[in-house]
């Protein structure tokens, strides 16, 4: 089963000029070059007129061993990702010269069937590619990092108090 478009016009190798749009860009595009392979997607929420987002979605089952959803985006992209209507918080995992690797935890949804949806809300856009499920978790701050941060904040507070006296 393929992807479905929600709101907006569909274009090829161009960009929308105000309304919500989805554009497929290939290696011949003068606006954006694919982040990987031969094609990447640009979702554009409306920039003028009524506030309308553009979204693509696909219904399927998340593999049972999946812990995270990962994808590549052009830096400064702004996308909202949901599964079955539930917002998936997305974090930057790493960066390259051409794209950021983004990811979100989907461990709670592993083995479930539902719709995965990428949305560019009104006034936002996202150029992305290489969507995949991973059995690697989204990194979280370690206990030692949090203790270190707390100690640093305490030292700064004590230093500030000693300067005030």
Protein backbone atom coordinates (compact mmCIF):
# COMPACT_ATOMS: atom_id res chain seq x y z
CA UNK A 1 0.00 0.00 0.00
CA UNK A 2 1.33 3.45 -0.88
CA UNK A 3 1.32 6.86 0.74
CA UNK A 4 -1.81 9.02 0.84
CA UNK A 5 -1.78 12.82 0.54
CA UNK A 6 -3.86 14.91 2.93
CA UNK A 7 -4.47 18.51 1.83
CA UNK A 8 -2.55 20.33 -0.82
CA UNK A 9 -1.59 20.10 -4.44
CA UNK A 10 0.96 17.68 -5.86
CA UNK A 11 3.94 19.02 -7.83
CA UNK A 12 7.09 17.62 -9.42
CA UNK A 13 10.51 19.33 -9.19
CA UNK A 14 9.11 22.70 -8.16
CA UNK A 15 7.76 24.40 -5.02
CA UNK A 16 4.32 25.63 -4.04
CA UNK A 17 3.72 29.38 -4.14
CA UNK A 18 1.54 29.88 -1.09
CA UNK A 19 -0.89 27.01 -0.74
CA UNK A 20 -0.33 23.64 0.92
CA UNK A 21 1.65 21.33 -1.35
CA UNK A 22 3.58 18.09 -1.70
CA UNK A 23 6.45 18.04 -4.17
CA UNK A 24 8.47 15.09 -5.35
CA UNK A 25 12.06 16.14 -6.19
CA UNK A 26 14.46 14.06 -8.26
CA UNK A 27 18.04 14.59 -9.38
CA UNK A 28 16.90 16.96 -12.14
CA UNK A 29 15.29 19.41 -9.68
CA UNK A 30 16.65 22.96 -9.67
CA UNK A 31 15.20 23.63 -6.18
CA UNK A 32 16.25 20.64 -4.04
CA UNK A 33 18.48 17.64 -4.68
CA UNK A 34 17.39 14.33 -3.13
CA UNK A 35 18.88 13.64 0.29
CA UNK A 36 19.42 10.00 -0.71
CA UNK A 37 18.81 8.00 -3.86
CA UNK A 38 16.70 9.42 -6.67
CA UNK A 39 13.78 11.12 -4.90
CA UNK A 40 12.91 13.13 -1.77
CA UNK A 41 9.66 14.72 -0.61
CA UNK A 42 8.92 18.36 0.20
CA UNK A 43 5.82 19.03 2.29
CA UNK A 44 4.73 22.67 2.51
CA UNK A 45 1.98 23.99 4.75
CA UNK A 46 0.16 27.03 3.36
CA UNK A 47 2.09 30.29 3.50
CA UNK A 48 -0.86 32.44 2.40
CA UNK A 49 -4.63 32.29 2.62
CA UNK A 50 -6.35 29.99 5.07
CA UNK A 51 -4.00 28.03 7.37
CA UNK A 52 -3.74 24.55 5.86
CA UNK A 53 -1.17 21.85 6.51
CA UNK A 54 0.08 19.27 4.03
CA UNK A 55 0.56 15.67 5.10
CA UNK A 56 1.33 12.21 3.81
CA UNK A 57 0.37 9.04 5.61
CA UNK A 58 0.59 5.30 5.24
CA UNK A 59 -1.22 2.59 7.16
CA UNK A 60 0.74 -0.48 8.16
CA UNK A 61 2.12 -2.50 11.03
CA UNK A 62 5.17 -1.36 12.95
CA UNK A 63 7.63 -4.28 13.19
CA UNK A 64 7.48 -5.95 16.60
CA UNK A 65 11.21 -5.43 17.31
CA UNK A 66 11.16 -1.68 16.47
CA UNK A 67 12.15 0.82 19.12
CA UNK A 68 12.46 3.96 17.01
CA UNK A 69 11.42 5.67 13.81
CA UNK A 70 14.23 7.47 11.97
CA UNK A 71 14.40 9.64 8.88
CA UNK A 72 16.56 12.26 7.21
CA UNK A 73 15.54 15.90 6.86
CA UNK A 74 16.99 19.02 5.31
CA UNK A 75 18.19 21.27 8.17
CA UNK A 76 15.51 23.71 9.38
CA UNK A 77 12.70 21.36 8.32
CA UNK A 78 9.70 21.40 10.62
CA UNK A 79 7.60 18.24 10.55
CA UNK A 80 5.09 16.74 12.94
CA UNK A 81 5.01 12.92 13.08
CA UNK A 82 2.09 10.88 14.40
CA UNK A 83 1.17 7.22 14.61
CA UNK A 84 -2.49 6.34 15.01
CA UNK A 85 -3.15 10.00 15.86
CA UNK A 86 -0.55 9.99 18.67
CA UNK A 87 2.20 12.59 18.43
CA UNK A 88 5.71 11.12 18.32
CA UNK A 89 8.25 13.55 19.81
CA UNK A 90 11.12 13.88 17.31
CA UNK A 91 14.75 14.63 18.20
CA UNK A 92 17.87 15.39 16.16
CA UNK A 93 20.15 12.37 16.47
CA UNK A 94 23.02 13.52 14.26
CA UNK A 95 23.91 15.83 11.40
CA UNK A 96 25.82 15.70 8.14
CA UNK A 97 26.64 18.47 5.68
CA UNK A 98 23.43 17.76 3.73
CA UNK A 99 20.85 16.53 6.23
CA UNK A 100 19.93 15.91 9.87
CA UNK A 101 19.05 12.43 11.11
CA UNK A 102 15.88 12.67 13.18
CA UNK A 103 14.24 10.03 15.34
CA UNK A 104 11.44 9.33 17.75
CA UNK A 105 10.57 6.49 20.09
CA UNK A 106 7.86 4.16 18.80
CA UNK A 107 8.48 1.31 21.26
CA UNK A 108 4.95 1.71 22.67
CA UNK A 109 3.50 1.06 19.20
CA UNK A 110 5.66 -1.93 18.17
CA UNK A 111 3.51 -4.63 16.61
CA UNK A 112 0.50 -2.31 16.24
CA UNK A 113 -1.24 -1.42 12.99
CA UNK A 114 -2.08 2.21 12.32
CA UNK A 115 -1.32 5.22 10.19
CA UNK A 116 2.12 6.84 10.22
CA UNK A 117 1.70 10.47 9.18
CA UNK A 118 4.17 13.27 8.42
CA UNK A 119 2.67 16.78 8.51
CA UNK A 120 3.94 20.24 7.64
CA UNK A 121 1.53 22.56 9.44
CA UNK A 122 0.55 25.96 8.04
CA UNK A 123 3.60 28.20 7.75
CA UNK A 124 6.07 25.30 7.96
CA UNK A 125 7.82 22.96 5.53
CA UNK A 126 9.88 19.80 5.60
CA UNK A 127 12.12 18.17 3.00
CA UNK A 128 12.75 14.55 3.96
CA UNK A 129 13.72 11.05 2.89
CA UNK A 130 14.87 7.61 4.11
CA UNK A 131 12.10 6.79 6.58
CA UNK A 132 12.80 3.57 8.46
CA UNK A 133 12.12 1.68 11.68
CA UNK A 134 15.08 0.74 13.86
CA UNK A 135 15.63 -1.71 16.70
CA UNK A 136 17.93 0.93 18.28
CA UNK A 137 16.37 3.11 21.01
CA UNK A 138 16.43 6.89 20.92
CA UNK A 139 19.34 7.96 23.15
CA UNK A 140 18.30 9.51 26.43
CA UNK A 141 20.47 11.46 28.85
CA UNK A 142 22.33 9.10 31.15
CA UNK A 143 22.01 9.33 34.93
CA UNK A 144 25.62 10.54 35.17
CA UNK A 145 24.97 13.31 32.64
CA UNK A 146 21.99 14.51 34.65
CA UNK A 147 23.96 14.39 37.93
CA UNK A 148 26.79 16.32 36.27
CA UNK A 149 24.38 18.93 34.97
CA UNK A 150 22.83 19.30 38.42
CA UNK A 151 26.27 19.68 40.04
CA UNK A 152 27.25 22.31 37.47
CA UNK A 153 24.06 24.29 38.14
CA UNK A 154 24.64 24.07 41.92
CA UNK A 155 28.23 25.34 41.51
CA UNK A 156 27.08 28.28 39.40
CA UNK A 157 24.42 29.18 41.96
CA UNK A 158 26.92 29.02 44.84
CA UNK A 159 29.38 31.11 42.83
CA UNK A 160 26.69 33.71 42.10
CA UNK A 161 25.72 33.87 45.78
CA UNK A 162 29.36 34.34 46.84
CA UNK A 163 29.75 37.24 44.38
CA UNK A 164 26.64 38.94 45.77
CA UNK A 165 28.01 38.96 49.33
